[in-house]
Amino acid sequence: MNQQDSQFSSNQLFLSVILMVAGAHLCNDLIQSMLTATYPLLEEKYRLSFAQVGCISLVISLQLQFYSPQSVITQISIRNLIYYH
């Protein structure tokens, strides 16, 4: 494998990682926005108080923030990304 093939392979890997992170971010934002739209339905169906709906919102927001692509990227060393690129 020569230098040009290696460079093309690393660029392809870098692009695929960026696309996966963007897709994960899109899914994360869609889930969070759809859940907040269902709060009035949950409140009526299960007769929840505003405090209970707020607790549900807090738990979901913390969980989605933990699995957010930004938090995953910050755990990866920038040096490793540059090294593989």
PDB file of N, CA and C in Angstrom:
ATOM      1  N   MET A   1       0.854  -1.179   0.000  1.00  0.00           N
ATOM      2  CA  MET A   1       0.000   0.000   0.000  1.00  0.00           C
ATOM      3  C   MET A   1       0.898   1.239   0.000  1.00  0.00           C
ATOM      4  N   ASN A   2       0.663   2.109  -0.923  1.00  0.00           N
ATOM      5  CA  ASN A   2       1.524   3.280  -1.025  1.00  0.00           C
ATOM      6  C   ASN A   2       0.934   4.457  -0.238  1.00  0.00           C
ATOM      7  N   GLN A   3       1.654   5.558  -0.280  1.00  0.00           N
ATOM      8  CA  GLN A   3       1.274   6.757   0.496  1.00  0.00           C
ATOM      9  C   GLN A   3      -0.088   7.300   0.079  1.00  0.00           C
ATOM     10  N   GLN A   4      -0.362   7.313  -1.223  1.00  0.00           N
ATOM     11  CA  GLN A   4      -1.616   7.879  -1.716  1.00  0.00           C
ATOM     12  C   GLN A   4      -2.818   7.037  -1.278  1.00  0.00           C
ATOM     13  N   ASP A   5      -2.689   5.716  -1.331  1.00  0.00           N
ATOM     14  CA  ASP A   5      -3.767   4.834  -0.884  1.00  0.00           C
ATOM     15  C   ASP A   5      -4.013   4.979   0.615  1.00  0.00           C
ATOM     16  N   SER A   6      -2.930   5.124   1.359  1.00  0.00           N
ATOM     17  CA  SER A   6      -3.053   5.302   2.804  1.00  0.00           C
ATOM     18  C   SER A   6      -3.761   6.612   3.136  1.00  0.00           C
ATOM     19  N   GLN A   7      -3.425   7.672   2.422  1.00  0.00           N
ATOM     20  CA  GLN A   7      -4.053   8.977   2.649  1.00  0.00           C
ATOM     21  C   GLN A   7      -5.539   8.920   2.310  1.00  0.00           C
ATOM     22  N   PHE A   8      -5.881   8.246   1.205  1.00  0.00           N
ATOM     23  CA  PHE A   8      -7.289   8.115   0.812  1.00  0.00           C
ATOM     24  C   PHE A   8      -8.060   7.314   1.852  1.00  0.00           C
ATOM     25  N   SER A   9      -7.460   6.254   2.363  1.00  0.00           N
ATOM     26  CA  SER A   9      -8.119   5.417   3.365  1.00  0.00           C
ATOM     27  C   SER A   9      -8.355   6.188   4.662  1.00  0.00           C
ATOM     28  N   SER A  10      -7.374   6.977   5.077  1.00  0.00           N
ATOM     29  CA  SER A  10      -7.543   7.734   6.320  1.00  0.00           C
ATOM     30  C   SER A  10      -8.573   8.842   6.141  1.00  0.00           C
ATOM     31  N   ASN A  11      -8.617   9.472   4.965  1.00  0.00           N
ATOM     32  CA  ASN A  11      -9.636  10.483   4.705  1.00  0.00           C
ATOM     33  C   ASN A  11     -11.032   9.867   4.698  1.00  0.00           C
ATOM     34  N   GLN A  12     -11.144   8.681   4.128  1.00  0.00           N
ATOM     35  CA  GLN A  12     -12.427   7.986   4.095  1.00  0.00           C
ATOM     36  C   GLN A  12     -12.879   7.623   5.514  1.00  0.00           C
ATOM     37  N   LEU A  13     -11.949   7.168   6.341  1.00  0.00           N
ATOM     38  CA  LEU A  13     -12.263   6.846   7.730  1.00  0.00           C
ATOM     39  C   LEU A  13     -12.712   8.090   8.485  1.00  0.00           C
ATOM     40  N   PHE A  14     -11.992   9.187   8.302  1.00  0.00           N
ATOM     41  CA  PHE A  14     -12.327  10.432   8.979  1.00  0.00           C
ATOM     42  C   PHE A  14     -13.726  10.907   8.585  1.00  0.00           C
ATOM     43  N   LEU A  15     -14.046  10.844   7.286  1.00  0.00           N
ATOM     44  CA  LEU A  15     -15.362  11.256   6.812  1.00  0.00           C
ATOM     45  C   LEU A  15     -16.460  10.357   7.362  1.00  0.00           C
ATOM     46  N   SER A  16     -16.213   9.066   7.434  1.00  0.00           N
ATOM     47  CA  SER A  16     -17.244   8.163   7.959  1.00  0.00           C
ATOM     48  C   SER A  16     -17.492   8.406   9.443  1.00  0.00           C
ATOM     49  N   VAL A  17     -16.452   8.727  10.197  1.00  0.00           N
ATOM     50  CA  VAL A  17     -16.625   9.031  11.620  1.00  0.00           C
ATOM     51  C   VAL A  17     -17.428  10.316  11.783  1.00  0.00           C
ATOM     52  N   ILE A  18     -17.117  11.326  10.990  1.00  0.00           N
ATOM     53  CA  ILE A  18     -17.858  12.591  11.064  1.00  0.00           C
ATOM     54  C   ILE A  18     -19.330  12.374  10.721  1.00  0.00           C
ATOM     55  N   LEU A  19     -19.606  11.574   9.700  1.00  0.00           N
ATOM     56  CA  LEU A  19     -21.002  11.305   9.314  1.00  0.00           C
ATOM     57  C   LEU A  19     -21.742  10.520  10.396  1.00  0.00           C
ATOM     58  N   MET A  20     -21.070   9.574  11.040  1.00  0.00           N
ATOM     59  CA  MET A  20     -21.718   8.823  12.126  1.00  0.00           C
ATOM     60  C   MET A  20     -22.031   9.724  13.320  1.00  0.00           C
ATOM     61  N   VAL A  21     -21.109  10.610  13.645  1.00  0.00           N
ATOM     62  CA  VAL A  21     -21.341  11.537  14.757  1.00  0.00           C
ATOM     63  C   VAL A  21     -22.496  12.480  14.429  1.00  0.00           C
ATOM     64  N   ALA A  22     -22.553  12.957  13.197  1.00  0.00           N
ATOM     65  CA  ALA A  22     -23.646  13.840  12.790  1.00  0.00           C
ATOM     66  C   ALA A  22     -24.982  13.107  12.840  1.00  0.00           C
ATOM     67  N   GLY A  23     -25.011  11.850  12.407  1.00  0.00           N
ATOM     68  CA  GLY A  23     -26.241  11.056  12.473  1.00  0.00           C
ATOM     69  C   GLY A  23     -26.683  10.803  13.905  1.00  0.00           C
ATOM     70  N   ALA A  24     -25.730  10.506  14.784  1.00  0.00           N
ATOM     71  CA  ALA A  24     -26.059  10.294  16.190  1.00  0.00           C
ATOM     72  C   ALA A  24     -26.595  11.569  16.830  1.00  0.00           C
ATOM     73  N   HIS A  25     -26.015  12.698  16.459  1.00  0.00           N
ATOM     74  CA  HIS A  25     -26.484  13.984  16.988  1.00  0.00           C
ATOM     75  C   HIS A  25     -27.908  14.269  16.516  1.00  0.00           C
ATOM     76  N   LEU A  26     -28.191  13.958  15.246  1.00  0.00           N
ATOM     77  CA  LEU A  26     -29.537  14.146  14.713  1.00  0.00           C
ATOM     78  C   LEU A  26     -30.546  13.279  15.466  1.00  0.00           C
ATOM     79  N   CYS A  27     -30.220  12.019  15.681  1.00  0.00           N
ATOM     80  CA  CYS A  27     -31.122  11.121  16.420  1.00  0.00           C
ATOM     81  C   CYS A  27     -31.344  11.602  17.843  1.00  0.00           C
ATOM     82  N   ASN A  28     -30.277  12.049  18.488  1.00  0.00           N
ATOM     83  CA  ASN A  28     -30.378  12.542  19.858  1.00  0.00           C
ATOM     84  C   ASN A  28     -31.316  13.747  19.936  1.00  0.00           C
ATOM     85  N   ASP A  29     -31.173  14.689  19.019  1.00  0.00           N
ATOM     86  CA  ASP A  29     -32.026  15.879  19.018  1.00  0.00           C
ATOM     87  C   ASP A  29     -33.477  15.534  18.682  1.00  0.00           C
ATOM     88  N   LEU A  30     -33.683  14.598  17.763  1.00  0.00           N
ATOM     89  CA  LEU A  30     -35.053  14.197  17.421  1.00  0.00           C
ATOM     90  C   LEU A  30     -35.758  13.534  18.594  1.00  0.00           C
ATOM     91  N   ILE A  31     -35.061  12.674  19.292  1.00  0.00           N
ATOM     92  CA  ILE A  31     -35.664  12.006  20.459  1.00  0.00           C
ATOM     93  C   ILE A  31     -36.035  13.037  21.516  1.00  0.00           C
ATOM     94  N   GLN A  32     -35.132  13.955  21.786  1.00  0.00           N
ATOM     95  CA  GLN A  32     -35.391  14.956  22.818  1.00  0.00           C
ATOM     96  C   GLN A  32     -36.562  15.861  22.446  1.00  0.00           C
ATOM     97  N   SER A  33     -36.657  16.240  21.186  1.00  0.00           N
ATOM     98  CA  SER A  33     -37.758  17.124  20.791  1.00  0.00           C
ATOM     99  C   SER A  33     -39.094  16.390  20.762  1.00  0.00           C
ATOM    100  N   MET A  34     -39.100  15.129  20.377  1.00  0.00           N
ATOM    101  CA  MET A  34     -40.358  14.374  20.356  1.00  0.00           C
ATOM    102  C   MET A  34     -40.862  14.080  21.762  1.00  0.00           C
ATOM    103  N   LEU A  35     -39.951  13.834  22.684  1.00  0.00           N
ATOM    104  CA  LEU A  35     -40.378  13.540  24.051  1.00  0.00           C
ATOM    105  C   LEU A  35     -41.001  14.765  24.721  1.00  0.00           C
ATOM    106  N   THR A  36     -40.437  15.926  24.485  1.00  0.00           N
ATOM    107  CA  THR A  36     -41.019  17.118  25.097  1.00  0.00           C
ATOM    108  C   THR A  36     -42.400  17.426  24.523  1.00  0.00           C
ATOM    109  N   ALA A  37     -42.646  17.025  23.296  1.00  0.00           N
ATOM    110  CA  ALA A  37     -43.967  17.248  22.704  1.00  0.00           C
ATOM    111  C   ALA A  37     -45.018  16.312  23.297  1.00  0.00           C
ATOM    112  N   THR A  38     -44.601  15.207  23.875  1.00  0.00           N
ATOM    113  CA  THR A  38     -45.561  14.249  24.446  1.00  0.00           C
ATOM    114  C   THR A  38     -45.880  14.517  25.915  1.00  0.00           C
ATOM    115  N   TYR A  39     -45.241  15.471  26.536  1.00  0.00           N
ATOM    116  CA  TYR A  39     -45.501  15.729  27.952  1.00  0.00           C
ATOM    117  C   TYR A  39     -46.966  16.036  28.267  1.00  0.00           C
ATOM    118  N   PRO A  40     -47.657  16.856  27.489  1.00  0.00           N
ATOM    119  CA  PRO A  40     -49.083  17.073  27.797  1.00  0.00           C
ATOM    120  C   PRO A  40     -49.913  15.788  27.711  1.00  0.00           C
ATOM    121  N   LEU A  41     -49.579  14.926  26.768  1.00  0.00           N
ATOM    122  CA  LEU A  41     -50.292  13.650  26.663  1.00  0.00           C
ATOM    123  C   LEU A  41     -50.019  12.751  27.861  1.00  0.00           C
ATOM    124  N   LEU A  42     -48.774  12.701  28.293  1.00  0.00           N
ATOM    125  CA  LEU A  42     -48.429  11.908  29.471  1.00  0.00           C
ATOM    126  C   LEU A  42     -49.112  12.458  30.722  1.00  0.00           C
ATOM    127  N   GLU A  43     -49.179  13.781  30.809  1.00  0.00           N
ATOM    128  CA  GLU A  43     -49.805  14.426  31.968  1.00  0.00           C
ATOM    129  C   GLU A  43     -51.284  14.065  32.059  1.00  0.00           C
ATOM    130  N   GLU A  44     -51.971  14.081  30.932  1.00  0.00           N
ATOM    131  CA  GLU A  44     -53.395  13.755  30.937  1.00  0.00           C
ATOM    132  C   GLU A  44     -53.641  12.268  31.165  1.00  0.00           C
ATOM    133  N   LYS A  45     -52.914  11.425  30.439  1.00  0.00           N
ATOM    134  CA  LYS A  45     -53.174   9.985  30.504  1.00  0.00           C
ATOM    135  C   LYS A  45     -52.858   9.401  31.876  1.00  0.00           C
ATOM    136  N   TYR A  46     -51.748   9.788  32.467  1.00  0.00           N
ATOM    137  CA  TYR A  46     -51.328   9.217  33.744  1.00  0.00           C
ATOM    138  C   TYR A  46     -51.605  10.133  34.926  1.00  0.00           C
ATOM    139  N   ARG A  47     -52.278  11.263  34.687  1.00  0.00           N
ATOM    140  CA  ARG A  47     -52.629  12.239  35.726  1.00  0.00           C
ATOM    141  C   ARG A  47     -51.411  12.633  36.556  1.00  0.00           C
ATOM    142  N   LEU A  48     -50.386  13.088  35.860  1.00  0.00           N
ATOM    143  CA  LEU A  48     -49.150  13.499  36.517  1.00  0.00           C
ATOM    144  C   LEU A  48     -49.212  14.976  36.869  1.00  0.00           C
ATOM    145  N   SER A  49     -48.527  15.328  37.939  1.00  0.00           N
ATOM    146  CA  SER A  49     -48.423  16.742  38.301  1.00  0.00           C
ATOM    147  C   SER A  49     -47.290  17.380  37.489  1.00  0.00           C
ATOM    148  N   PHE A  50     -47.208  18.714  37.572  1.00  0.00           N
ATOM    149  CA  PHE A  50     -46.132  19.405  36.869  1.00  0.00           C
ATOM    150  C   PHE A  50     -44.764  19.006  37.425  1.00  0.00           C
ATOM    151  N   ALA A  51     -44.700  18.744  38.721  1.00  0.00           N
ATOM    152  CA  ALA A  51     -43.429  18.330  39.331  1.00  0.00           C
ATOM    153  C   ALA A  51     -43.002  16.962  38.804  1.00  0.00           C
ATOM    154  N   GLN A  52     -43.938  16.053  38.643  1.00  0.00           N
ATOM    155  CA  GLN A  52     -43.596  14.729  38.121  1.00  0.00           C
ATOM    156  C   GLN A  52     -43.146  14.810  36.661  1.00  0.00           C
ATOM    157  N   VAL A  53     -43.825  15.622  35.872  1.00  0.00           N
ATOM    158  CA  VAL A  53     -43.411  15.811  34.478  1.00  0.00           C
ATOM    159  C   VAL A  53     -42.033  16.479  34.438  1.00  0.00           C
ATOM    160  N   GLY A  54     -41.782  17.400  35.346  1.00  0.00           N
ATOM    161  CA  GLY A  54     -40.471  18.034  35.428  1.00  0.00           C
ATOM    162  C   GLY A  54     -39.373  17.047  35.783  1.00  0.00           C
ATOM    163  N   CYS A  55     -39.674  16.111  36.688  1.00  0.00           N
ATOM    164  CA  CYS A  55     -38.686  15.077  37.036  1.00  0.00           C
ATOM    165  C   CYS A  55     -38.409  14.164  35.844  1.00  0.00           C
ATOM    166  N   ILE A  56     -39.441  13.817  35.107  1.00  0.00           N
ATOM    167  CA  ILE A  56     -39.252  13.010  33.894  1.00  0.00           C
ATOM    168  C   ILE A  56     -38.380  13.771  32.903  1.00  0.00           C
ATOM    169  N   SER A  57     -38.653  15.045  32.749  1.00  0.00           N
ATOM    170  CA  SER A  57     -37.867  15.876  31.831  1.00  0.00           C
ATOM    171  C   SER A  57     -36.413  15.956  32.270  1.00  0.00           C
ATOM    172  N   LEU A  58     -36.182  16.097  33.549  1.00  0.00           N
ATOM    173  CA  LEU A  58     -34.820  16.173  34.072  1.00  0.00           C
ATOM    174  C   LEU A  58     -34.050  14.886  33.802  1.00  0.00           C
ATOM    175  N   VAL A  59     -34.671  13.759  34.104  1.00  0.00           N
ATOM    176  CA  VAL A  59     -33.996  12.472  33.912  1.00  0.00           C
ATOM    177  C   VAL A  59     -33.698  12.226  32.432  1.00  0.00           C
ATOM    178  N   ILE A  60     -34.649  12.530  31.565  1.00  0.00           N
ATOM    179  CA  ILE A  60     -34.441  12.321  30.137  1.00  0.00           C
ATOM    180  C   ILE A  60     -33.357  13.264  29.615  1.00  0.00           C
ATOM    181  N   SER A  61     -33.371  14.502  30.049  1.00  0.00           N
ATOM    182  CA  SER A  61     -32.353  15.459  29.593  1.00  0.00           C
ATOM    183  C   SER A  61     -30.954  15.050  30.042  1.00  0.00           C
ATOM    184  N   LEU A  62     -30.831  14.598  31.286  1.00  0.00           N
ATOM    185  CA  LEU A  62     -29.518  14.159  31.766  1.00  0.00           C
ATOM    186  C   LEU A  62     -29.034  12.932  31.007  1.00  0.00           C
ATOM    187  N   GLN A  63     -29.944  12.010  30.761  1.00  0.00           N
ATOM    188  CA  GLN A  63     -29.575  10.795  30.040  1.00  0.00           C
ATOM    189  C   GLN A  63     -29.171  11.114  28.600  1.00  0.00           C
ATOM    190  N   LEU A  64     -29.926  11.960  27.924  1.00  0.00           N
ATOM    191  CA  LEU A  64     -29.593  12.308  26.547  1.00  0.00           C
ATOM    192  C   LEU A  64     -28.319  13.128  26.463  1.00  0.00           C
ATOM    193  N   GLN A  65     -28.063  13.933  27.480  1.00  0.00           N
ATOM    194  CA  GLN A  65     -26.829  14.709  27.485  1.00  0.00           C
ATOM    195  C   GLN A  65     -25.628  13.795  27.681  1.00  0.00           C
ATOM    196  N   PHE A  66     -25.794  12.756  28.471  1.00  0.00           N
ATOM    197  CA  PHE A  66     -24.697  11.815  28.709  1.00  0.00           C
ATOM    198  C   PHE A  66     -24.345  11.057  27.435  1.00  0.00           C
ATOM    199  N   TYR A  67     -25.351  10.706  26.649  1.00  0.00           N
ATOM    200  CA  TYR A  67     -25.116   9.958  25.409  1.00  0.00           C
ATOM    201  C   TYR A  67     -24.985  10.853  24.189  1.00  0.00           C
ATOM    202  N   SER A  68     -24.884  12.136  24.387  1.00  0.00           N
ATOM    203  CA  SER A  68     -24.730  13.076  23.284  1.00  0.00           C
ATOM    204  C   SER A  68     -23.384  12.869  22.600  1.00  0.00           C
ATOM    205  N   PRO A  69     -23.341  13.034  21.288  1.00  0.00           N
ATOM    206  CA  PRO A  69     -22.057  12.861  20.598  1.00  0.00           C
ATOM    207  C   PRO A  69     -20.976  13.825  21.066  1.00  0.00           C
ATOM    208  N   GLN A  70     -21.348  15.008  21.525  1.00  0.00           N
ATOM    209  CA  GLN A  70     -20.336  15.940  21.996  1.00  0.00           C
ATOM    210  C   GLN A  70     -19.596  15.383  23.200  1.00  0.00           C
ATOM    211  N   SER A  71     -20.324  14.722  24.113  1.00  0.00           N
ATOM    212  CA  SER A  71     -19.655  14.177  25.289  1.00  0.00           C
ATOM    213  C   SER A  71     -18.757  13.010  24.916  1.00  0.00           C
ATOM    214  N   VAL A  72     -19.141  12.265  23.893  1.00  0.00           N
ATOM    215  CA  VAL A  72     -18.302  11.158  23.443  1.00  0.00           C
ATOM    216  C   VAL A  72     -17.042  11.694  22.782  1.00  0.00           C
ATOM    217  N   ILE A  73     -17.189  12.746  21.987  1.00  0.00           N
ATOM    218  CA  ILE A  73     -16.027  13.305  21.291  1.00  0.00           C
ATOM    219  C   ILE A  73     -15.041  13.906  22.277  1.00  0.00           C
ATOM    220  N   THR A  74     -15.532  14.534  23.329  1.00  0.00           N
ATOM    221  CA  THR A  74     -14.604  15.133  24.287  1.00  0.00           C
ATOM    222  C   THR A  74     -13.819  14.062  25.038  1.00  0.00           C
ATOM    223  N   GLN A  75     -14.335  12.842  25.077  1.00  0.00           N
ATOM    224  CA  GLN A  75     -13.611  11.759  25.737  1.00  0.00           C
ATOM    225  C   GLN A  75     -12.506  11.199  24.852  1.00  0.00           C
ATOM    226  N   ILE A  76     -12.585  11.457  23.545  1.00  0.00           N
ATOM    227  CA  ILE A  76     -11.552  10.995  22.621  1.00  0.00           C
ATOM    228  C   ILE A  76     -10.478  12.072  22.534  1.00  0.00           C
ATOM    229  N   SER A  77      -9.275  11.658  22.583  1.00  0.00           N
ATOM    230  CA  SER A  77      -8.172  12.626  22.503  1.00  0.00           C
ATOM    231  C   SER A  77      -8.077  13.211  21.104  1.00  0.00           C
ATOM    232  N   ILE A  78      -7.947  14.515  21.023  1.00  0.00           N
ATOM    233  CA  ILE A  78      -7.784  15.191  19.742  1.00  0.00           C
ATOM    234  C   ILE A  78      -6.488  14.717  19.073  1.00  0.00           C
ATOM    235  N   ARG A  79      -5.524  14.419  19.872  1.00  0.00           N
ATOM    236  CA  ARG A  79      -4.250  13.946  19.324  1.00  0.00           C
ATOM    237  C   ARG A  79      -4.446  12.642  18.552  1.00  0.00           C
ATOM    238  N   ASN A  80      -5.301  11.746  19.045  1.00  0.00           N
ATOM    239  CA  ASN A  80      -5.556  10.494  18.341  1.00  0.00           C
ATOM    240  C   ASN A  80      -6.278  10.750  17.025  1.00  0.00           C
ATOM    241  N   LEU A  81      -7.210  11.701  16.996  1.00  0.00           N
ATOM    242  CA  LEU A  81      -7.897  12.013  15.763  1.00  0.00           C
ATOM    243  C   LEU A  81      -6.930  12.574  14.731  1.00  0.00           C
ATOM    244  N   ILE A  82      -6.025  13.434  15.171  1.00  0.00           N
ATOM    245  CA  ILE A  82      -5.053  13.999  14.244  1.00  0.00           C
ATOM    246  C   ILE A  82      -4.076  12.917  13.776  1.00  0.00           C
ATOM    247  N   TYR A  83      -3.702  12.029  14.688  1.00  0.00           N
ATOM    248  CA  TYR A  83      -2.761  10.969  14.346  1.00  0.00           C
ATOM    249  C   TYR A  83      -3.338  10.053  13.270  1.00  0.00           C
ATOM    250  N   TYR A  84      -4.613   9.685  13.398  1.00  0.00           N
ATOM    251  CA  TYR A  84      -5.218   8.788  12.422  1.00  0.00           C
ATOM    252  C   TYR A  84      -5.621   9.500  11.149  1.00  0.00           C
ATOM    253  N   HIS A  85      -5.732  10.817  11.199  1.00  0.00           N
ATOM    254  CA  HIS A  85      -6.088  11.577   9.998  1.00  0.00           C
ATOM    255  C   HIS A  85      -4.852  11.836   9.228  1.00  0.00           C
TER     256      HIS A  85
END
